[in-house]
Amino acid sequence: MMKNYLPESALYILRYHSFYPQHRENAYEYLMDKHDQKMFKWVKLFNPYDLYSKNPNPPDWQNLKPYYEDLMAKYFPSTLKL
Protein backbone atom coordinates (compact mmCIF):
# COMPACT_ATOMS: atom_id res chain seq x y z
CA MET A 1 0.00 0.00 0.00
CA MET A 2 2.84 2.39 0.73
CA LYS A 3 5.02 1.79 -2.32
CA ASN A 4 3.41 4.62 -4.28
CA TYR A 5 4.04 7.14 -1.51
CA LEU A 6 7.33 6.35 0.24
CA PRO A 7 10.93 6.01 -0.96
CA GLU A 8 12.40 2.52 -1.12
CA SER A 9 14.49 3.09 2.01
CA ALA A 10 11.32 3.81 4.01
CA LEU A 11 9.69 0.68 2.60
CA TYR A 12 12.65 -1.39 3.84
CA ILE A 13 12.25 0.21 7.27
CA LEU A 14 8.56 -0.69 7.39
CA ARG A 15 9.20 -4.22 6.24
CA TYR A 16 12.25 -5.06 8.34
CA HIS A 17 12.22 -2.87 11.46
CA SER A 18 11.46 -5.90 13.69
CA PHE A 19 13.79 -8.33 11.93
CA TYR A 20 16.08 -8.70 14.95
CA PRO A 21 18.11 -11.74 13.84
CA GLN A 22 19.47 -9.57 11.04
CA HIS A 23 19.74 -6.39 13.16
CA ARG A 24 21.77 -8.04 15.89
CA GLU A 25 23.62 -11.02 14.46
CA ASN A 26 23.51 -10.47 10.69
CA ALA A 27 22.01 -13.97 10.63
CA TYR A 28 20.67 -13.64 7.08
CA GLU A 29 23.48 -11.65 5.50
CA TYR A 30 24.25 -14.59 3.19
CA LEU A 31 20.79 -14.21 1.62
CA MET A 32 21.15 -10.50 0.93
CA ASP A 33 22.47 -9.05 -2.27
CA LYS A 34 24.35 -5.72 -2.48
CA HIS A 35 21.13 -3.78 -2.91
CA ASP A 36 19.57 -5.38 0.20
CA GLN A 37 22.71 -4.59 2.19
CA LYS A 38 22.59 -0.97 1.04
CA MET A 39 18.91 -0.62 1.94
CA PHE A 40 19.28 -2.43 5.26
CA LYS A 41 21.62 0.34 6.42
CA TRP A 42 18.49 2.52 6.61
CA VAL A 43 16.76 -0.09 8.76
CA LYS A 44 19.68 -0.08 11.19
CA LEU A 45 19.73 3.73 11.28
CA PHE A 46 16.03 3.77 12.12
CA ASN A 47 16.27 1.17 14.88
CA PRO A 48 17.12 3.58 17.75
CA TYR A 49 13.97 5.58 16.95
CA ASP A 50 11.68 2.55 17.00
CA LEU A 51 11.02 3.09 20.70
CA TYR A 52 7.30 2.71 21.33
CA SER A 53 7.29 -1.06 21.13
CA LYS A 54 10.42 -1.35 23.30
CA ASN A 55 9.47 1.07 26.07
CA PRO A 56 8.02 -0.55 29.23
CA ASN A 57 5.76 2.51 29.70
CA PRO A 58 3.18 2.67 26.92
CA PRO A 59 2.83 6.08 25.26
CA ASP A 60 -0.26 8.23 25.67
CA TRP A 61 -1.81 7.50 22.29
CA GLN A 62 -4.54 10.11 22.68
CA ASN A 63 -1.84 12.71 23.13
CA LEU A 64 0.21 11.43 20.17
CA LYS A 65 -2.70 10.89 17.79
CA PRO A 66 -2.91 14.49 16.43
CA TYR A 67 0.82 14.49 15.66
CA TYR A 68 0.58 11.29 13.64
CA GLU A 69 -2.63 12.33 11.93
CA ASP A 70 -0.86 15.49 10.75
CA LEU A 71 2.07 13.43 9.45
CA MET A 72 -0.28 11.11 7.58
CA ALA A 73 -2.12 14.05 6.04
CA LYS A 74 1.19 15.60 4.96
CA TYR A 75 2.59 12.53 3.18
CA PHE A 76 -0.40 10.42 2.14
CA PRO A 77 -3.66 11.01 0.30
CA SER A 78 -6.89 10.55 2.27
CA THR A 79 -7.49 7.21 0.52
CA LEU A 80 -4.69 4.76 -0.25
CA LYS A 81 -4.73 2.47 -3.28
CA LEU A 82 -4.59 -1.21 -2.46
PDB file of N, CA and C in Angstrom:
ATOM      1  N   MET A   1       0.806  -1.204   0.000  1.00  0.00           N
ATOM      2  CA  MET A   1       0.000   0.000   0.000  1.00  0.00           C
ATOM      3  C   MET A   1       0.849   1.267   0.000  1.00  0.00           C
ATOM      4  N   MET A   2       2.022   1.184   0.563  1.00  0.00           N
ATOM      5  CA  MET A   2       2.836   2.386   0.726  1.00  0.00           C
ATOM      6  C   MET A   2       3.800   2.637  -0.420  1.00  0.00           C
ATOM      7  N   LYS A   3       3.969   1.665  -1.312  1.00  0.00           N
ATOM      8  CA  LYS A   3       5.022   1.789  -2.319  1.00  0.00           C
ATOM      9  C   LYS A   3       4.844   2.969  -3.255  1.00  0.00           C
ATOM     10  N   ASN A   4       3.630   3.467  -3.411  1.00  0.00           N
ATOM     11  CA  ASN A   4       3.411   4.625  -4.277  1.00  0.00           C
ATOM     12  C   ASN A   4       3.684   5.950  -3.580  1.00  0.00           C
ATOM     13  N   TYR A   5       3.942   5.911  -2.274  1.00  0.00           N
ATOM     14  CA  TYR A   5       4.040   7.144  -1.507  1.00  0.00           C
ATOM     15  C   TYR A   5       5.358   7.331  -0.770  1.00  0.00           C
ATOM     16  N   LEU A   6       6.099   6.264  -0.550  1.00  0.00           N
ATOM     17  CA  LEU A   6       7.325   6.349   0.242  1.00  0.00           C
ATOM     18  C   LEU A   6       8.536   5.915  -0.578  1.00  0.00           C
ATOM     19  N   PRO A   7       9.715   6.466  -0.270  1.00  0.00           N
ATOM     20  CA  PRO A   7      10.927   6.007  -0.962  1.00  0.00           C
ATOM     21  C   PRO A   7      11.263   4.572  -0.556  1.00  0.00           C
ATOM     22  N   GLU A   8      12.052   3.925  -1.361  1.00  0.00           N
ATOM     23  CA  GLU A   8      12.399   2.521  -1.118  1.00  0.00           C
ATOM     24  C   GLU A   8      13.042   2.308   0.252  1.00  0.00           C
ATOM     25  N   SER A   9      13.858   3.237   0.690  1.00  0.00           N
ATOM     26  CA  SER A   9      14.490   3.086   2.007  1.00  0.00           C
ATOM     27  C   SER A   9      13.435   3.030   3.116  1.00  0.00           C
ATOM     28  N   ALA A  10      12.407   3.839   3.015  1.00  0.00           N
ATOM     29  CA  ALA A  10      11.322   3.812   4.010  1.00  0.00           C
ATOM     30  C   ALA A  10      10.543   2.498   3.933  1.00  0.00           C
ATOM     31  N   LEU A  11      10.383   1.967   2.739  1.00  0.00           N
ATOM     32  CA  LEU A  11       9.691   0.676   2.602  1.00  0.00           C
ATOM     33  C   LEU A  11      10.488  -0.439   3.265  1.00  0.00           C
ATOM     34  N   TYR A  12      11.801  -0.408   3.141  1.00  0.00           N
ATOM     35  CA  TYR A  12      12.649  -1.393   3.838  1.00  0.00           C
ATOM     36  C   TYR A  12      12.488  -1.248   5.354  1.00  0.00           C
ATOM     37  N   ILE A  13      12.429  -0.015   5.833  1.00  0.00           N
ATOM     38  CA  ILE A  13      12.253   0.211   7.268  1.00  0.00           C
ATOM     39  C   ILE A  13      10.930  -0.387   7.734  1.00  0.00           C
ATOM     40  N   LEU A  14       9.869  -0.121   7.006  1.00  0.00           N
ATOM     41  CA  LEU A  14       8.563  -0.688   7.385  1.00  0.00           C
ATOM     42  C   LEU A  14       8.595  -2.210   7.392  1.00  0.00           C
ATOM     43  N   ARG A  15       9.206  -2.766   6.396  1.00  0.00           N
ATOM     44  CA  ARG A  15       9.200  -4.224   6.241  1.00  0.00           C
ATOM     45  C   ARG A  15      10.095  -4.922   7.259  1.00  0.00           C
ATOM     46  N   TYR A  16      11.244  -4.330   7.574  1.00  0.00           N
ATOM     47  CA  TYR A  16      12.247  -5.063   8.343  1.00  0.00           C
ATOM     48  C   TYR A  16      12.585  -4.480   9.717  1.00  0.00           C
ATOM     49  N   HIS A  17      11.840  -3.508  10.198  1.00  0.00           N
ATOM     50  CA  HIS A  17      12.221  -2.874  11.463  1.00  0.00           C
ATOM     51  C   HIS A  17      12.224  -3.836  12.655  1.00  0.00           C
ATOM     52  N   SER A  18      11.479  -4.923  12.585  1.00  0.00           N
ATOM     53  CA  SER A  18      11.460  -5.899  13.692  1.00  0.00           C
ATOM     54  C   SER A  18      12.222  -7.184  13.361  1.00  0.00           C
ATOM     55  N   PHE A  19      13.039  -7.152  12.369  1.00  0.00           N
ATOM     56  CA  PHE A  19      13.791  -8.330  11.928  1.00  0.00           C
ATOM     57  C   PHE A  19      15.086  -8.432  12.734  1.00  0.00           C
ATOM     58  N   TYR A  20      14.956  -8.747  14.021  1.00  0.00           N
ATOM     59  CA  TYR A  20      16.080  -8.698  14.954  1.00  0.00           C
ATOM     60  C   TYR A  20      17.215  -9.675  14.659  1.00  0.00           C
ATOM     61  N   PRO A  21      16.960 -10.880  14.143  1.00  0.00           N
ATOM     62  CA  PRO A  21      18.108 -11.744  13.837  1.00  0.00           C
ATOM     63  C   PRO A  21      19.100 -11.080  12.868  1.00  0.00           C
ATOM     64  N   GLN A  22      18.583 -10.270  11.965  1.00  0.00           N
ATOM     65  CA  GLN A  22      19.475  -9.571  11.041  1.00  0.00           C
ATOM     66  C   GLN A  22      20.049  -8.314  11.689  1.00  0.00           C
ATOM     67  N   HIS A  23      19.255  -7.597  12.477  1.00  0.00           N
ATOM     68  CA  HIS A  23      19.741  -6.392  13.164  1.00  0.00           C
ATOM     69  C   HIS A  23      20.939  -6.711  14.044  1.00  0.00           C
ATOM     70  N   ARG A  24      20.799  -7.765  14.827  1.00  0.00           N
ATOM     71  CA  ARG A  24      21.774  -8.041  15.892  1.00  0.00           C
ATOM     72  C   ARG A  24      22.915  -8.950  15.466  1.00  0.00           C
ATOM     73  N   GLU A  25      22.597 -10.021  14.773  1.00  0.00           N
ATOM     74  CA  GLU A  25      23.624 -11.020  14.462  1.00  0.00           C
ATOM     75  C   GLU A  25      23.975 -11.125  12.985  1.00  0.00           C
ATOM     76  N   ASN A  26      23.324 -10.335  12.138  1.00  0.00           N
ATOM     77  CA  ASN A  26      23.506 -10.468  10.685  1.00  0.00           C
ATOM     78  C   ASN A  26      23.275 -11.910  10.241  1.00  0.00           C
ATOM     79  N   ALA A  27      22.271 -12.538  10.835  1.00  0.00           N
ATOM     80  CA  ALA A  27      22.012 -13.968  10.628  1.00  0.00           C
ATOM     81  C   ALA A  27      21.613 -14.322   9.194  1.00  0.00           C
ATOM     82  N   TYR A  28      21.125 -13.359   8.446  1.00  0.00           N
ATOM     83  CA  TYR A  28      20.670 -13.638   7.084  1.00  0.00           C
ATOM     84  C   TYR A  28      21.471 -12.888   6.033  1.00  0.00           C
ATOM     85  N   GLU A  29      22.611 -12.411   6.411  1.00  0.00           N
ATOM     86  CA  GLU A  29      23.482 -11.652   5.500  1.00  0.00           C
ATOM     87  C   GLU A  29      23.771 -12.444   4.223  1.00  0.00           C
ATOM     88  N   TYR A  30      23.922 -13.750   4.354  1.00  0.00           N
ATOM     89  CA  TYR A  30      24.252 -14.590   3.191  1.00  0.00           C
ATOM     90  C   TYR A  30      23.119 -14.637   2.159  1.00  0.00           C
ATOM     91  N   LEU A  31      21.915 -14.230   2.556  1.00  0.00           N
ATOM     92  CA  LEU A  31      20.787 -14.211   1.616  1.00  0.00           C
ATOM     93  C   LEU A  31      20.593 -12.841   0.957  1.00  0.00           C
ATOM     94  N   MET A  32      21.342 -11.859   1.420  1.00  0.00           N
ATOM     95  CA  MET A  32      21.153 -10.497   0.929  1.00  0.00           C
ATOM     96  C   MET A  32      22.120 -10.176  -0.204  1.00  0.00           C
ATOM     97  N   ASP A  33      21.591  -9.519  -1.212  1.00  0.00           N
ATOM     98  CA  ASP A  33      22.474  -9.046  -2.275  1.00  0.00           C
ATOM     99  C   ASP A  33      22.967  -7.638  -1.910  1.00  0.00           C
ATOM    100  N   LYS A  34      23.761  -7.034  -2.775  1.00  0.00           N
ATOM    101  CA  LYS A  34      24.349  -5.722  -2.477  1.00  0.00           C
ATOM    102  C   LYS A  34      23.269  -4.654  -2.262  1.00  0.00           C
ATOM    103  N   HIS A  35      22.210  -4.762  -3.050  1.00  0.00           N
ATOM    104  CA  HIS A  35      21.127  -3.783  -2.906  1.00  0.00           C
ATOM    105  C   HIS A  35      20.440  -3.925  -1.538  1.00  0.00           C
ATOM    106  N   ASP A  36      20.157  -5.154  -1.130  1.00  0.00           N
ATOM    107  CA  ASP A  36      19.566  -5.381   0.198  1.00  0.00           C
ATOM    108  C   ASP A  36      20.473  -4.833   1.292  1.00  0.00           C
ATOM    109  N   GLN A  37      21.755  -5.077   1.181  1.00  0.00           N
ATOM    110  CA  GLN A  37      22.706  -4.589   2.187  1.00  0.00           C
ATOM    111  C   GLN A  37      22.694  -3.067   2.252  1.00  0.00           C
ATOM    112  N   LYS A  38      22.642  -2.429   1.091  1.00  0.00           N
ATOM    113  CA  LYS A  38      22.593  -0.969   1.037  1.00  0.00           C
ATOM    114  C   LYS A  38      21.316  -0.448   1.700  1.00  0.00           C
ATOM    115  N   MET A  39      20.189  -1.067   1.388  1.00  0.00           N
ATOM    116  CA  MET A  39      18.911  -0.623   1.940  1.00  0.00           C
ATOM    117  C   MET A  39      18.794  -0.938   3.428  1.00  0.00           C
ATOM    118  N   PHE A  40      19.398  -2.040   3.859  1.00  0.00           N
ATOM    119  CA  PHE A  40      19.282  -2.427   5.257  1.00  0.00           C
ATOM    120  C   PHE A  40      20.032  -1.464   6.176  1.00  0.00           C
ATOM    121  N   LYS A  41      20.958  -0.694   5.620  1.00  0.00           N
ATOM    122  CA  LYS A  41      21.623   0.341   6.415  1.00  0.00           C
ATOM    123  C   LYS A  41      20.599   1.342   6.955  1.00  0.00           C
ATOM    124  N   TRP A  42      19.559   1.619   6.161  1.00  0.00           N
ATOM    125  CA  TRP A  42      18.490   2.523   6.607  1.00  0.00           C
ATOM    126  C   TRP A  42      17.698   1.912   7.755  1.00  0.00           C
ATOM    127  N   VAL A  43      17.480   0.616   7.685  1.00  0.00           N
ATOM    128  CA  VAL A  43      16.762  -0.086   8.756  1.00  0.00           C
ATOM    129  C   VAL A  43      17.543   0.036  10.061  1.00  0.00           C
ATOM    130  N   LYS A  44      18.844  -0.169   9.988  1.00  0.00           N
ATOM    131  CA  LYS A  44      19.676  -0.075  11.190  1.00  0.00           C
ATOM    132  C   LYS A  44      19.731   1.354  11.725  1.00  0.00           C
ATOM    133  N   LEU A  45      19.746   2.335  10.839  1.00  0.00           N
ATOM    134  CA  LEU A  45      19.728   3.733  11.282  1.00  0.00           C
ATOM    135  C   LEU A  45      18.415   4.085  11.984  1.00  0.00           C
ATOM    136  N   PHE A  46      17.339   3.496  11.531  1.00  0.00           N
ATOM    137  CA  PHE A  46      16.026   3.765  12.119  1.00  0.00           C
ATOM    138  C   PHE A  46      15.843   3.100  13.480  1.00  0.00           C
ATOM    139  N   ASN A  47      16.486   1.990  13.699  1.00  0.00           N
ATOM    140  CA  ASN A  47      16.265   1.165  14.883  1.00  0.00           C
ATOM    141  C   ASN A  47      16.254   1.933  16.209  1.00  0.00           C
ATOM    142  N   PRO A  48      17.168   2.863  16.468  1.00  0.00           N
ATOM    143  CA  PRO A  48      17.123   3.577  17.754  1.00  0.00           C
ATOM    144  C   PRO A  48      15.854   4.416  17.949  1.00  0.00           C
ATOM    145  N   TYR A  49      15.159   4.743  16.854  1.00  0.00           N
ATOM    146  CA  TYR A  49      13.968   5.580  16.945  1.00  0.00           C
ATOM    147  C   TYR A  49      12.686   4.752  17.028  1.00  0.00           C
ATOM    148  N   ASP A  50      12.814   3.469  16.924  1.00  0.00           N
ATOM    149  CA  ASP A  50      11.678   2.549  17.003  1.00  0.00           C
ATOM    150  C   ASP A  50      11.451   2.203  18.478  1.00  0.00           C
ATOM    151  N   LEU A  51      11.025   3.211  19.248  1.00  0.00           N
ATOM    152  CA  LEU A  51      11.023   3.085  20.696  1.00  0.00           C
ATOM    153  C   LEU A  51       9.689   2.645  21.300  1.00  0.00           C
ATOM    154  N   TYR A  52       8.588   2.964  20.684  1.00  0.00           N
ATOM    155  CA  TYR A  52       7.298   2.712  21.331  1.00  0.00           C
ATOM    156  C   TYR A  52       7.108   1.259  21.706  1.00  0.00           C
ATOM    157  N   SER A  53       7.506   0.354  20.838  1.00  0.00           N
ATOM    158  CA  SER A  53       7.292  -1.064  21.126  1.00  0.00           C
ATOM    159  C   SER A  53       8.300  -1.610  22.134  1.00  0.00           C
ATOM    160  N   LYS A  54       9.371  -0.867  22.396  1.00  0.00           N
ATOM    161  CA  LYS A  54      10.419  -1.349  23.296  1.00  0.00           C
ATOM    162  C   LYS A  54      10.353  -0.694  24.680  1.00  0.00           C
ATOM    163  N   ASN A  55       9.555   0.337  24.817  1.00  0.00           N
ATOM    164  CA  ASN A  55       9.470   1.071  26.065  1.00  0.00           C
ATOM    165  C   ASN A  55       8.511   0.372  27.027  1.00  0.00           C
ATOM    166  N   PRO A  56       8.912   0.123  28.278  1.00  0.00           N
ATOM    167  CA  PRO A  56       8.023  -0.547  29.228  1.00  0.00           C
ATOM    168  C   PRO A  56       6.806   0.300  29.607  1.00  0.00           C
ATOM    169  N   ASN A  57       6.895   1.620  29.423  1.00  0.00           N
ATOM    170  CA  ASN A  57       5.763   2.510  29.703  1.00  0.00           C
ATOM    171  C   ASN A  57       5.075   2.869  28.393  1.00  0.00           C
ATOM    172  N   PRO A  58       3.857   2.379  28.184  1.00  0.00           N
ATOM    173  CA  PRO A  58       3.180   2.671  26.922  1.00  0.00           C
ATOM    174  C   PRO A  58       2.947   4.175  26.736  1.00  0.00           C
ATOM    175  N   PRO A  59       3.038   4.653  25.509  1.00  0.00           N
ATOM    176  CA  PRO A  59       2.828   6.083  25.259  1.00  0.00           C
ATOM    177  C   PRO A  59       1.354   6.447  25.425  1.00  0.00           C
ATOM    178  N   ASP A  60       1.106   7.706  25.606  1.00  0.00           N
ATOM    179  CA  ASP A  60      -0.261   8.226  25.670  1.00  0.00           C
ATOM    180  C   ASP A  60      -0.743   8.452  24.240  1.00  0.00           C
ATOM    181  N   TRP A  61      -1.421   7.458  23.700  1.00  0.00           N
ATOM    182  CA  TRP A  61      -1.813   7.498  22.289  1.00  0.00           C
ATOM    183  C   TRP A  61      -2.767   8.635  21.975  1.00  0.00           C
ATOM    184  N   GLN A  62      -3.617   8.987  22.917  1.00  0.00           N
ATOM    185  CA  GLN A  62      -4.536  10.108  22.678  1.00  0.00           C
ATOM    186  C   GLN A  62      -3.767  11.410  22.504  1.00  0.00           C
ATOM    187  N   ASN A  63      -2.685  11.530  23.228  1.00  0.00           N
ATOM    188  CA  ASN A  63      -1.838  12.713  23.135  1.00  0.00           C
ATOM    189  C   ASN A  63      -1.039  12.715  21.831  1.00  0.00           C
ATOM    190  N   LEU A  64      -0.607  11.548  21.388  1.00  0.00           N
ATOM    191  CA  LEU A  64       0.212  11.428  20.172  1.00  0.00           C
ATOM    192  C   LEU A  64      -0.614  11.434  18.889  1.00  0.00           C
ATOM    193  N   LYS A  65      -1.864  11.063  18.985  1.00  0.00           N
ATOM    194  CA  LYS A  65      -2.702  10.886  17.787  1.00  0.00           C
ATOM    195  C   LYS A  65      -2.713  12.104  16.853  1.00  0.00           C
ATOM    196  N   PRO A  66      -2.908  13.339  17.349  1.00  0.00           N
ATOM    197  CA  PRO A  66      -2.912  14.490  16.428  1.00  0.00           C
ATOM    198  C   PRO A  66      -1.599  14.646  15.659  1.00  0.00           C
ATOM    199  N   TYR A  67      -0.490  14.387  16.319  1.00  0.00           N
ATOM    200  CA  TYR A  67       0.816  14.487  15.657  1.00  0.00           C
ATOM    201  C   TYR A  67       0.899  13.524  14.477  1.00  0.00           C
ATOM    202  N   TYR A  68       0.502  12.285  14.706  1.00  0.00           N
ATOM    203  CA  TYR A  68       0.577  11.287  13.641  1.00  0.00           C
ATOM    204  C   TYR A  68      -0.478  11.499  12.563  1.00  0.00           C
ATOM    205  N   GLU A  69      -1.618  12.000  12.935  1.00  0.00           N
ATOM    206  CA  GLU A  69      -2.631  12.327  11.927  1.00  0.00           C
ATOM    207  C   GLU A  69      -2.124  13.431  11.007  1.00  0.00           C
ATOM    208  N   ASP A  70      -1.438  14.417  11.573  1.00  0.00           N
ATOM    209  CA  ASP A  70      -0.861  15.487  10.749  1.00  0.00           C
ATOM    210  C   ASP A  70       0.214  14.948   9.804  1.00  0.00           C
ATOM    211  N   LEU A  71       1.049  14.043  10.310  1.00  0.00           N
ATOM    212  CA  LEU A  71       2.072  13.429   9.446  1.00  0.00           C
ATOM    213  C   LEU A  71       1.431  12.647   8.301  1.00  0.00           C
ATOM    214  N   MET A  72       0.419  11.877   8.628  1.00  0.00           N
ATOM    215  CA  MET A  72      -0.276  11.107   7.584  1.00  0.00           C
ATOM    216  C   MET A  72      -0.872  12.043   6.534  1.00  0.00           C
ATOM    217  N   ALA A  73      -1.505  13.099   6.973  1.00  0.00           N
ATOM    218  CA  ALA A  73      -2.116  14.048   6.039  1.00  0.00           C
ATOM    219  C   ALA A  73      -1.067  14.723   5.166  1.00  0.00           C
ATOM    220  N   LYS A  74       0.116  14.938   5.717  1.00  0.00           N
ATOM    221  CA  LYS A  74       1.186  15.595   4.963  1.00  0.00           C
ATOM    222  C   LYS A  74       1.737  14.710   3.846  1.00  0.00           C
ATOM    223  N   TYR A  75       1.884  13.407   4.118  1.00  0.00           N
ATOM    224  CA  TYR A  75       2.587  12.533   3.184  1.00  0.00           C
ATOM    225  C   TYR A  75       1.699  11.571   2.394  1.00  0.00           C
ATOM    226  N   PHE A  76       0.458  11.405   2.809  1.00  0.00           N
ATOM    227  CA  PHE A  76      -0.402  10.423   2.143  1.00  0.00           C
ATOM    228  C   PHE A  76      -1.732  11.052   1.743  1.00  0.00           C
ATOM    229  N   PRO A  77      -2.318  10.553   0.658  1.00  0.00           N
ATOM    230  CA  PRO A  77      -3.665  11.006   0.297  1.00  0.00           C
ATOM    231  C   PRO A  77      -4.674  10.462   1.310  1.00  0.00           C
ATOM    232  N   SER A  78      -5.885  10.994   1.299  1.00  0.00           N
ATOM    233  CA  SER A  78      -6.888  10.553   2.274  1.00  0.00           C
ATOM    234  C   SER A  78      -7.305   9.109   2.061  1.00  0.00           C
ATOM    235  N   THR A  79      -7.187   8.617   0.827  1.00  0.00           N
ATOM    236  CA  THR A  79      -7.488   7.210   0.524  1.00  0.00           C
ATOM    237  C   THR A  79      -6.270   6.591  -0.162  1.00  0.00           C
ATOM    238  N   LEU A  80      -5.826   5.454   0.345  1.00  0.00           N
ATOM    239  CA  LEU A  80      -4.689   4.760  -0.245  1.00  0.00           C
ATOM    240  C   LEU A  80      -5.171   3.707  -1.231  1.00  0.00           C
ATOM    241  N   LYS A  81      -4.433   3.532  -2.323  1.00  0.00           N
ATOM    242  CA  LYS A  81      -4.734   2.466  -3.277  1.00  0.00           C
ATOM    243  C   LYS A  81      -4.229   1.160  -2.739  1.00  0.00           C
ATOM    244  N   LEU A  82      -5.013   0.119  -2.888  1.00  0.00           N
ATOM    245  CA  LEU A  82      -4.590  -1.213  -2.463  1.00  0.00           C
ATOM    246  C   LEU A  82      -3.766  -1.886  -3.518  1.00  0.00           C
TER     247      LEU A  82
END
